[in-house]
Amino acid sequence: MTGRFALLALLLTLAIGVSASEAATLTAHSFCGSRCGQVSAIHGAGVLTQHGSGLTLGTVGQGTIAIRDLSKNGSRDFSVGGWDRRWTTSDGYVHFAGRGMSYRAWTTWTVRITGGWGISTTTTAVGWGYIRGPSNHSAWLASRWTLRSGLSASTWPHWPTAGKSFTISH
């Protein structure tokens, strides 16, 4: 149990590697206003795709992160740390593979994560997504995810093995 908390603390520390000045300018509500909804997921394995306007950040214990910046503002509005391999595909996605990675994307983006373990994300945005867990759940893997739309929160105990599409909004 202590090992899981230490791993989560390490991964969250990597994800929060934002200077105080960047943190002040990267507020999700400046991108999606009062329409923002929230998605949170921890300790996941499988596939997580999110498309939206706002802010998403998280960690991946082992897997691949594919990000497509859709902001069209002339700057790269995402960052990824801890990757071992990087490549770009013709459809505009930049892929990062490795262990112990962290990511952030802001403005308008699509993020696709495929991972064997340790996928965690916190998103405040307006958009949509898809989540699918593995066909079996390891006993130590306490994967959870939450979708908040307005004041109501829906929590599912594990990432759904059949997959589930969702809308991120208020």
N, C-alpha and C. Protein backbone atom coordinates (compact mmCIF):
# COMPACT_ATOMS: atom_id res chain seq x y z
N MET A 1 0.82 -1.17 0.00
CA MET A 1 0.00 0.00 0.00
C MET A 1 0.88 1.25 0.00
N THR A 2 1.91 1.27 0.84
CA THR A 2 2.80 2.42 0.91
C THR A 2 3.51 2.65 -0.42
N GLY A 3 3.86 1.56 -1.11
CA GLY A 3 4.51 1.67 -2.41
C GLY A 3 3.64 2.36 -3.44
N ARG A 4 2.35 2.07 -3.41
CA ARG A 4 1.42 2.71 -4.35
C ARG A 4 1.34 4.20 -4.10
N PHE A 5 1.27 4.58 -2.83
CA PHE A 5 1.21 6.01 -2.51
C PHE A 5 2.50 6.72 -2.90
N ALA A 6 3.62 6.05 -2.70
CA ALA A 6 4.91 6.66 -3.08
C ALA A 6 4.98 6.83 -4.59
N LEU A 7 4.53 5.83 -5.36
CA LEU A 7 4.53 5.92 -6.82
C LEU A 7 3.60 7.03 -7.29
N LEU A 8 2.41 7.11 -6.71
CA LEU A 8 1.47 8.17 -7.08
C LEU A 8 2.04 9.54 -6.75
N ALA A 9 2.66 9.68 -5.59
CA ALA A 9 3.26 10.97 -5.21
C ALA A 9 4.37 11.36 -6.19
N LEU A 10 5.20 10.39 -6.59
CA LEU A 10 6.28 10.67 -7.55
C LEU A 10 5.70 11.10 -8.89
N LEU A 11 4.71 10.37 -9.40
CA LEU A 11 4.13 10.70 -10.69
C LEU A 11 3.42 12.05 -10.66
N LEU A 12 2.73 12.36 -9.57
CA LEU A 12 2.07 13.66 -9.48
C LEU A 12 3.08 14.79 -9.38
N THR A 13 4.20 14.54 -8.70
CA THR A 13 5.26 15.54 -8.64
C THR A 13 5.80 15.84 -10.02
N LEU A 14 5.99 14.80 -10.84
CA LEU A 14 6.45 15.02 -12.21
C LEU A 14 5.44 15.82 -13.01
N ALA A 15 4.17 15.54 -12.81
CA ALA A 15 3.12 16.22 -13.58
C ALA A 15 2.96 17.68 -13.18
N ILE A 16 3.28 18.00 -11.95
CA ILE A 16 3.06 19.35 -11.47
C ILE A 16 4.32 20.21 -11.64
N GLY A 17 5.25 19.81 -12.48
CA GLY A 17 6.47 20.56 -12.70
C GLY A 17 6.24 21.85 -13.45
N VAL A 18 5.36 22.70 -12.95
CA VAL A 18 5.01 23.96 -13.58
C VAL A 18 5.52 25.09 -12.69
N SER A 19 6.17 26.07 -13.27
CA SER A 19 6.62 27.22 -12.49
C SER A 19 5.42 28.04 -12.05
N ALA A 20 5.59 28.87 -11.05
CA ALA A 20 4.48 29.67 -10.52
C ALA A 20 3.90 30.59 -11.59
N SER A 21 4.73 31.14 -12.46
CA SER A 21 4.21 32.04 -13.49
C SER A 21 3.40 31.28 -14.53
N GLU A 22 3.82 30.05 -14.90
CA GLU A 22 3.04 29.25 -15.84
C GLU A 22 1.72 28.84 -15.22
N ALA A 23 1.74 28.48 -13.94
CA ALA A 23 0.51 28.04 -13.27
C ALA A 23 -0.53 29.15 -13.28
N ALA A 24 -0.08 30.39 -13.16
CA ALA A 24 -1.01 31.51 -13.15
C ALA A 24 -1.65 31.71 -14.52
N THR A 25 -0.93 31.42 -15.61
CA THR A 25 -1.48 31.63 -16.94
C THR A 25 -2.21 30.41 -17.48
N LEU A 26 -1.99 29.23 -16.92
CA LEU A 26 -2.63 28.02 -17.42
C LEU A 26 -3.86 27.67 -16.59
N THR A 27 -4.86 28.51 -16.63
CA THR A 27 -6.10 28.20 -15.94
C THR A 27 -7.10 27.67 -16.96
N ALA A 28 -7.68 26.55 -16.66
CA ALA A 28 -8.62 25.91 -17.58
C ALA A 28 -9.79 26.83 -17.90
N HIS A 29 -10.25 27.57 -16.91
CA HIS A 29 -11.43 28.40 -17.13
C HIS A 29 -11.17 29.54 -18.11
N SER A 30 -9.92 29.87 -18.35
CA SER A 30 -9.64 30.88 -19.38
C SER A 30 -9.85 30.30 -20.78
N PHE A 31 -9.88 28.97 -20.90
CA PHE A 31 -10.09 28.31 -22.20
C PHE A 31 -11.53 27.85 -22.40
N CYS A 32 -12.23 27.48 -21.33
CA CYS A 32 -13.59 26.94 -21.51
C CYS A 32 -14.64 27.64 -20.66
N GLY A 33 -14.24 28.61 -19.84
CA GLY A 33 -15.19 29.42 -19.09
C GLY A 33 -16.11 28.60 -18.19
N SER A 34 -17.36 29.02 -18.09
CA SER A 34 -18.32 28.36 -17.21
C SER A 34 -18.83 27.04 -17.79
N ARG A 35 -18.45 26.72 -19.02
CA ARG A 35 -18.90 25.47 -19.64
C ARG A 35 -18.04 24.28 -19.22
N CYS A 36 -16.95 24.50 -18.47
CA CYS A 36 -16.01 23.45 -18.10
C CYS A 36 -16.68 22.32 -17.32
N GLY A 37 -16.29 21.12 -17.63
CA GLY A 37 -16.62 19.94 -16.84
C GLY A 37 -15.31 19.33 -16.39
N GLN A 38 -15.35 18.25 -15.62
CA GLN A 38 -14.13 17.64 -15.12
C GLN A 38 -14.14 16.13 -15.30
N VAL A 39 -12.97 15.60 -15.61
CA VAL A 39 -12.74 14.16 -15.66
C VAL A 39 -11.50 13.88 -14.83
N SER A 40 -11.57 12.85 -14.01
CA SER A 40 -10.42 12.40 -13.24
C SER A 40 -10.32 10.90 -13.38
N ALA A 41 -9.10 10.42 -13.47
CA ALA A 41 -8.87 8.97 -13.52
C ALA A 41 -7.56 8.69 -12.81
N ILE A 42 -7.51 7.58 -12.07
CA ILE A 42 -6.27 7.20 -11.40
C ILE A 42 -5.99 5.72 -11.60
N HIS A 43 -4.71 5.41 -11.58
CA HIS A 43 -4.19 4.04 -11.62
C HIS A 43 -4.73 3.21 -12.78
N GLY A 44 -5.03 3.83 -13.89
CA GLY A 44 -5.67 3.12 -14.99
C GLY A 44 -4.72 2.33 -15.86
N ALA A 45 -5.31 1.43 -16.61
CA ALA A 45 -4.63 0.68 -17.65
C ALA A 45 -5.63 0.55 -18.78
N GLY A 46 -5.17 0.66 -20.01
CA GLY A 46 -6.07 0.56 -21.14
C GLY A 46 -5.90 1.74 -22.07
N VAL A 47 -7.04 2.34 -22.47
CA VAL A 47 -7.05 3.43 -23.43
C VAL A 47 -7.87 4.59 -22.86
N LEU A 48 -7.32 5.79 -22.97
CA LEU A 48 -8.04 7.00 -22.59
C LEU A 48 -7.82 8.02 -23.69
N THR A 49 -8.91 8.47 -24.31
CA THR A 49 -8.85 9.52 -25.32
C THR A 49 -9.68 10.69 -24.82
N GLN A 50 -9.12 11.90 -24.93
CA GLN A 50 -9.86 13.10 -24.57
C GLN A 50 -9.63 14.15 -25.64
N HIS A 51 -10.69 14.86 -26.00
CA HIS A 51 -10.60 15.95 -26.96
C HIS A 51 -11.32 17.13 -26.32
N GLY A 52 -10.66 18.27 -26.26
CA GLY A 52 -11.35 19.39 -25.63
C GLY A 52 -10.60 20.69 -25.70
N SER A 53 -11.25 21.69 -25.12
CA SER A 53 -10.67 23.01 -24.90
C SER A 53 -10.63 23.20 -23.40
N GLY A 54 -9.45 23.44 -22.87
CA GLY A 54 -9.26 23.57 -21.44
C GLY A 54 -7.87 23.12 -21.07
N LEU A 55 -7.77 22.44 -19.94
CA LEU A 55 -6.49 22.00 -19.41
C LEU A 55 -6.58 20.54 -19.01
N THR A 56 -5.62 19.73 -19.44
CA THR A 56 -5.52 18.35 -18.98
C THR A 56 -4.08 18.10 -18.58
N LEU A 57 -3.89 17.34 -17.52
CA LEU A 57 -2.55 16.97 -17.10
C LEU A 57 -2.61 15.62 -16.42
N GLY A 58 -1.49 14.93 -16.43
CA GLY A 58 -1.48 13.63 -15.79
C GLY A 58 -0.16 12.92 -15.93
N THR A 59 -0.20 11.64 -15.60
CA THR A 59 0.99 10.80 -15.62
C THR A 59 0.66 9.46 -16.25
N VAL A 60 1.69 8.81 -16.76
CA VAL A 60 1.56 7.47 -17.32
C VAL A 60 2.72 6.64 -16.79
N GLY A 61 2.42 5.56 -16.07
CA GLY A 61 3.47 4.69 -15.53
C GLY A 61 4.25 4.02 -16.64
N GLN A 62 3.55 3.46 -17.62
CA GLN A 62 4.17 2.84 -18.78
C GLN A 62 3.17 2.86 -19.93
N GLY A 63 3.60 3.37 -21.08
CA GLY A 63 2.69 3.40 -22.22
C GLY A 63 3.09 4.42 -23.26
N THR A 64 2.07 4.90 -23.98
CA THR A 64 2.25 5.86 -25.06
C THR A 64 1.26 7.01 -24.90
N ILE A 65 1.75 8.23 -25.09
CA ILE A 65 0.92 9.42 -25.09
C ILE A 65 0.98 10.00 -26.50
N ALA A 66 -0.17 10.23 -27.12
CA ALA A 66 -0.24 10.88 -28.43
C ALA A 66 -1.02 12.17 -28.25
N ILE A 67 -0.41 13.30 -28.63
CA ILE A 67 -1.05 14.60 -28.46
C ILE A 67 -1.12 15.32 -29.79
N ARG A 68 -2.27 15.89 -30.06
CA ARG A 68 -2.44 16.72 -31.26
C ARG A 68 -2.88 18.10 -30.79
N ASP A 69 -2.07 19.10 -31.05
CA ASP A 69 -2.37 20.49 -30.69
C ASP A 69 -3.28 21.07 -31.76
N LEU A 70 -4.48 21.44 -31.37
CA LEU A 70 -5.47 21.98 -32.30
C LEU A 70 -5.71 23.47 -32.11
N SER A 71 -4.81 24.15 -31.39
CA SER A 71 -5.03 25.55 -31.04
C SER A 71 -4.87 26.51 -32.22
N LYS A 72 -4.04 26.16 -33.18
CA LYS A 72 -3.79 27.01 -34.36
C LYS A 72 -3.36 28.42 -33.96
N ASN A 73 -2.57 28.52 -32.89
CA ASN A 73 -2.10 29.83 -32.45
C ASN A 73 -0.60 30.02 -32.69
N GLY A 74 0.04 29.09 -33.37
CA GLY A 74 1.45 29.22 -33.70
C GLY A 74 2.41 28.78 -32.62
N SER A 75 1.91 28.35 -31.47
CA SER A 75 2.79 27.86 -30.42
C SER A 75 2.41 26.43 -30.05
N ARG A 76 3.35 25.73 -29.45
CA ARG A 76 3.10 24.35 -29.02
C ARG A 76 2.47 24.40 -27.64
N ASP A 77 1.21 24.05 -27.55
CA ASP A 77 0.46 24.16 -26.31
C ASP A 77 0.36 22.84 -25.57
N PHE A 78 1.47 22.13 -25.45
CA PHE A 78 1.54 20.91 -24.66
C PHE A 78 2.98 20.66 -24.27
N SER A 79 3.16 19.85 -23.24
CA SER A 79 4.51 19.41 -22.85
C SER A 79 4.42 17.99 -22.32
N VAL A 80 5.48 17.22 -22.53
CA VAL A 80 5.56 15.84 -22.06
C VAL A 80 6.96 15.64 -21.50
N GLY A 81 7.05 15.03 -20.33
CA GLY A 81 8.33 14.76 -19.71
C GLY A 81 8.51 13.27 -19.47
N GLY A 82 9.75 12.82 -19.43
CA GLY A 82 10.06 11.44 -19.06
C GLY A 82 9.97 10.41 -20.16
N TRP A 83 9.86 10.81 -21.41
CA TRP A 83 9.68 9.86 -22.51
C TRP A 83 11.03 9.30 -22.97
N ASP A 84 10.98 8.09 -23.55
CA ASP A 84 12.16 7.43 -24.10
C ASP A 84 12.23 7.56 -25.61
N ARG A 85 11.08 7.59 -26.25
CA ARG A 85 11.00 7.63 -27.71
C ARG A 85 9.92 8.61 -28.13
N ARG A 86 10.18 9.34 -29.25
CA ARG A 86 9.22 10.33 -29.75
C ARG A 86 9.15 10.22 -31.26
N TRP A 87 7.94 10.36 -31.81
CA TRP A 87 7.77 10.40 -33.27
C TRP A 87 6.50 11.15 -33.60
N THR A 88 6.41 11.65 -34.82
CA THR A 88 5.24 12.38 -35.30
C THR A 88 4.63 11.63 -36.47
N THR A 89 3.31 11.56 -36.50
CA THR A 89 2.63 10.87 -37.59
C THR A 89 2.01 11.91 -38.53
N SER A 90 1.64 11.45 -39.70
CA SER A 90 1.13 12.35 -40.74
C SER A 90 -0.19 13.03 -40.36
N ASP A 91 -0.92 12.48 -39.38
CA ASP A 91 -2.18 13.11 -38.98
C ASP A 91 -1.99 14.18 -37.91
N GLY A 92 -0.74 14.55 -37.62
CA GLY A 92 -0.47 15.65 -36.72
C GLY A 92 -0.27 15.29 -35.26
N TYR A 93 -0.36 14.01 -34.92
CA TYR A 93 -0.13 13.59 -33.54
C TYR A 93 1.36 13.44 -33.28
N VAL A 94 1.79 13.93 -32.12
CA VAL A 94 3.15 13.69 -31.66
C VAL A 94 3.05 12.60 -30.60
N HIS A 95 3.79 11.50 -30.79
CA HIS A 95 3.72 10.33 -29.91
C HIS A 95 4.94 10.30 -29.00
N PHE A 96 4.71 9.94 -27.75
CA PHE A 96 5.77 9.79 -26.77
C PHE A 96 5.59 8.43 -26.11
N ALA A 97 6.65 7.63 -26.02
CA ALA A 97 6.58 6.32 -25.38
C ALA A 97 7.62 6.26 -24.27
N GLY A 98 7.28 5.56 -23.20
CA GLY A 98 8.23 5.41 -22.11
C GLY A 98 7.57 5.01 -20.81
N ARG A 99 8.33 5.23 -19.73
CA ARG A 99 7.88 4.93 -18.37
C ARG A 99 8.03 6.18 -17.53
N GLY A 100 7.12 6.36 -16.59
CA GLY A 100 7.20 7.50 -15.69
C GLY A 100 7.05 8.84 -16.40
N MET A 101 6.15 8.90 -17.36
CA MET A 101 5.95 10.13 -18.12
C MET A 101 4.90 11.03 -17.46
N SER A 102 4.99 12.31 -17.73
CA SER A 102 3.98 13.26 -17.31
C SER A 102 3.62 14.13 -18.52
N TYR A 103 2.41 14.67 -18.53
CA TYR A 103 1.99 15.50 -19.66
C TYR A 103 1.08 16.62 -19.20
N ARG A 104 1.03 17.65 -20.02
CA ARG A 104 0.11 18.78 -19.87
C ARG A 104 -0.29 19.22 -21.27
N ALA A 105 -1.54 19.57 -21.45
CA ALA A 105 -2.00 20.17 -22.71
C ALA A 105 -3.02 21.24 -22.35
N TRP A 106 -2.97 22.36 -23.04
CA TRP A 106 -3.88 23.46 -22.77
C TRP A 106 -4.35 24.06 -24.08
N THR A 107 -5.28 24.91 -24.08
CA THR A 107 -6.03 25.47 -25.21
C THR A 107 -6.91 24.38 -25.79
N THR A 108 -6.72 24.00 -27.06
CA THR A 108 -7.55 22.97 -27.70
C THR A 108 -6.65 21.84 -28.15
N TRP A 109 -7.03 20.58 -27.85
CA TRP A 109 -6.13 19.44 -28.00
C TRP A 109 -6.92 18.14 -28.11
N THR A 110 -6.23 17.12 -28.58
CA THR A 110 -6.67 15.74 -28.44
C THR A 110 -5.52 14.98 -27.82
N VAL A 111 -5.80 14.21 -26.79
CA VAL A 111 -4.79 13.40 -26.11
C VAL A 111 -5.27 11.96 -26.12
N ARG A 112 -4.45 11.05 -26.65
CA ARG A 112 -4.75 9.61 -26.64
C ARG A 112 -3.65 8.91 -25.84
N ILE A 113 -4.06 8.18 -24.82
CA ILE A 113 -3.10 7.47 -23.97
C ILE A 113 -3.43 5.99 -24.03
N THR A 114 -2.42 5.19 -24.28
CA THR A 114 -2.53 3.74 -24.21
C THR A 114 -1.47 3.29 -23.23
N GLY A 115 -1.87 2.60 -22.18
CA GLY A 115 -0.90 2.25 -21.16
C GLY A 115 -1.16 0.93 -20.50
N GLY A 116 -0.08 0.32 -20.08
CA GLY A 116 -0.15 -0.95 -19.36
C GLY A 116 -0.45 -0.76 -17.89
N TRP A 117 -0.08 0.40 -17.33
CA TRP A 117 -0.36 0.69 -15.92
C TRP A 117 -0.08 2.16 -15.62
N GLY A 118 -0.68 2.64 -14.55
CA GLY A 118 -0.36 3.94 -14.00
C GLY A 118 -0.88 5.15 -14.75
N ILE A 119 -1.97 5.04 -15.50
CA ILE A 119 -2.52 6.21 -16.19
C ILE A 119 -3.36 6.99 -15.18
N SER A 120 -3.01 8.25 -14.99
CA SER A 120 -3.79 9.15 -14.14
C SER A 120 -3.95 10.47 -14.89
N THR A 121 -5.11 11.07 -14.78
CA THR A 121 -5.36 12.34 -15.45
C THR A 121 -6.30 13.20 -14.63
N THR A 122 -6.15 14.49 -14.77
CA THR A 122 -7.08 15.47 -14.24
C THR A 122 -7.36 16.45 -15.36
N THR A 123 -8.61 16.59 -15.75
CA THR A 123 -8.98 17.41 -16.88
C THR A 123 -10.10 18.36 -16.48
N THR A 124 -9.95 19.62 -16.83
CA THR A 124 -11.02 20.61 -16.71
C THR A 124 -11.15 21.22 -18.09
N ALA A 125 -12.26 20.92 -18.76
CA ALA A 125 -12.39 21.30 -20.17
C ALA A 125 -13.85 21.19 -20.60
N VAL A 126 -14.07 21.52 -21.87
CA VAL A 126 -15.32 21.23 -22.54
C VAL A 126 -14.93 20.39 -23.75
N GLY A 127 -15.59 19.25 -23.93
CA GLY A 127 -15.22 18.35 -25.03
C GLY A 127 -15.85 16.98 -24.85
N TRP A 128 -15.10 15.96 -25.23
CA TRP A 128 -15.59 14.58 -25.16
C TRP A 128 -14.43 13.64 -24.92
N GLY A 129 -14.75 12.37 -24.65
CA GLY A 129 -13.70 11.40 -24.43
C GLY A 129 -14.19 9.98 -24.54
N TYR A 130 -13.24 9.06 -24.37
CA TYR A 130 -13.52 7.63 -24.42
C TYR A 130 -12.54 6.95 -23.47
N ILE A 131 -13.04 6.01 -22.68
CA ILE A 131 -12.20 5.28 -21.73
C ILE A 131 -12.51 3.79 -21.83
N ARG A 132 -11.45 2.98 -21.86
CA ARG A 132 -11.63 1.53 -21.90
C ARG A 132 -10.51 0.88 -21.09
N GLY A 133 -10.90 0.06 -20.15
CA GLY A 133 -9.93 -0.64 -19.31
C GLY A 133 -9.59 -2.01 -19.87
N PRO A 134 -8.63 -2.69 -19.26
CA PRO A 134 -8.26 -4.04 -19.70
C PRO A 134 -9.37 -5.03 -19.35
N SER A 135 -9.29 -6.21 -19.92
CA SER A 135 -10.33 -7.21 -19.69
C SER A 135 -10.27 -7.80 -18.28
N ASN A 136 -9.16 -7.64 -17.60
CA ASN A 136 -9.07 -8.11 -16.21
C ASN A 136 -8.47 -7.00 -15.36
N HIS A 137 -8.75 -7.02 -14.08
CA HIS A 137 -8.24 -6.00 -13.16
C HIS A 137 -7.32 -6.66 -12.15
N SER A 138 -6.09 -6.22 -12.08
CA SER A 138 -5.17 -6.74 -11.07
C SER A 138 -5.67 -6.33 -9.70
N ALA A 139 -5.43 -7.17 -8.72
CA ALA A 139 -5.91 -6.90 -7.37
C ALA A 139 -5.32 -5.60 -6.81
N TRP A 140 -4.07 -5.28 -7.13
CA TRP A 140 -3.44 -4.07 -6.58
C TRP A 140 -3.85 -2.82 -7.33
N LEU A 141 -4.45 -2.97 -8.51
CA LEU A 141 -4.77 -1.84 -9.35
C LEU A 141 -6.14 -1.28 -8.96
N ALA A 142 -6.13 -0.25 -8.15
CA ALA A 142 -7.38 0.37 -7.70
C ALA A 142 -7.80 1.46 -8.67
N SER A 143 -8.03 1.09 -9.92
CA SER A 143 -8.35 2.09 -10.94
C SER A 143 -9.74 2.66 -10.69
N ARG A 144 -9.83 3.96 -10.81
CA ARG A 144 -11.08 4.67 -10.62
C ARG A 144 -11.16 5.77 -11.67
N TRP A 145 -12.37 6.20 -11.96
CA TRP A 145 -12.53 7.39 -12.78
C TRP A 145 -13.82 8.08 -12.43
N THR A 146 -13.83 9.39 -12.59
CA THR A 146 -14.95 10.22 -12.20
C THR A 146 -15.20 11.23 -13.30
N LEU A 147 -16.45 11.44 -13.61
CA LEU A 147 -16.88 12.45 -14.58
C LEU A 147 -17.79 13.40 -13.83
N ARG A 148 -17.43 14.68 -13.83
CA ARG A 148 -18.26 15.69 -13.16
C ARG A 148 -18.85 16.61 -14.21
N SER A 149 -20.14 16.68 -14.21
CA SER A 149 -20.84 17.55 -15.13
C SER A 149 -21.74 18.44 -14.28
N GLY A 150 -21.39 19.72 -14.18
CA GLY A 150 -22.14 20.59 -13.29
C GLY A 150 -21.89 20.20 -11.85
N LEU A 151 -22.94 20.06 -11.06
CA LEU A 151 -22.79 19.71 -9.66
C LEU A 151 -22.87 18.22 -9.42
N SER A 152 -23.28 17.44 -10.43
CA SER A 152 -23.41 16.00 -10.22
C SER A 152 -22.09 15.31 -10.57
N ALA A 153 -21.76 14.30 -9.82
CA ALA A 153 -20.55 13.52 -10.06
C ALA A 153 -20.94 12.06 -10.22
N SER A 154 -20.42 11.42 -11.24
CA SER A 154 -20.65 10.00 -11.45
C SER A 154 -19.32 9.29 -11.30
N THR A 155 -19.27 8.26 -10.47
CA THR A 155 -18.04 7.52 -10.23
C THR A 155 -18.26 6.06 -10.57
N TRP A 156 -17.35 5.51 -11.32
CA TRP A 156 -17.38 4.09 -11.64
C TRP A 156 -16.19 3.43 -10.98
N PRO A 157 -16.33 2.20 -10.47
CA PRO A 157 -15.26 1.60 -9.68
C PRO A 157 -14.01 1.24 -10.50
N HIS A 158 -14.15 0.87 -11.74
CA HIS A 158 -13.00 0.52 -12.57
C HIS A 158 -13.21 1.08 -13.96
N TRP A 159 -12.11 1.20 -14.69
CA TRP A 159 -12.25 1.62 -16.08
C TRP A 159 -13.08 0.55 -16.77
N PRO A 160 -14.11 0.93 -17.53
CA PRO A 160 -15.03 -0.06 -18.12
C PRO A 160 -14.33 -0.91 -19.19
N THR A 161 -14.47 -2.23 -19.08
CA THR A 161 -13.81 -3.13 -20.02
C THR A 161 -14.47 -3.08 -21.41
N ALA A 162 -15.74 -2.71 -21.47
CA ALA A 162 -16.42 -2.61 -22.76
C ALA A 162 -16.20 -1.25 -23.41
N GLY A 163 -15.63 -0.30 -22.66
CA GLY A 163 -15.42 1.04 -23.18
C GLY A 163 -16.64 1.92 -22.93
N LYS A 164 -16.38 3.21 -22.76
CA LYS A 164 -17.48 4.15 -22.50
C LYS A 164 -17.09 5.50 -23.07
N SER A 165 -17.98 6.08 -23.88
CA SER A 165 -17.80 7.44 -24.37
C SER A 165 -18.43 8.40 -23.35
N PHE A 166 -17.90 9.61 -23.26
CA PHE A 166 -18.44 10.58 -22.31
C PHE A 166 -18.29 11.99 -22.88
N THR A 167 -19.08 12.90 -22.33
CA THR A 167 -19.02 14.31 -22.68
C THR A 167 -18.48 15.07 -21.49
N ILE A 168 -17.56 16.00 -21.75
CA ILE A 168 -17.00 16.84 -20.70
C ILE A 168 -17.63 18.22 -20.85
N SER A 169 -18.49 18.59 -19.92
CA SER A 169 -19.12 19.92 -19.97
C SER A 169 -19.82 20.17 -18.64
N HIS A 170 -20.27 21.38 -18.46
CA HIS A 170 -21.00 21.78 -17.26
C HIS A 170 -22.46 21.51 -17.46
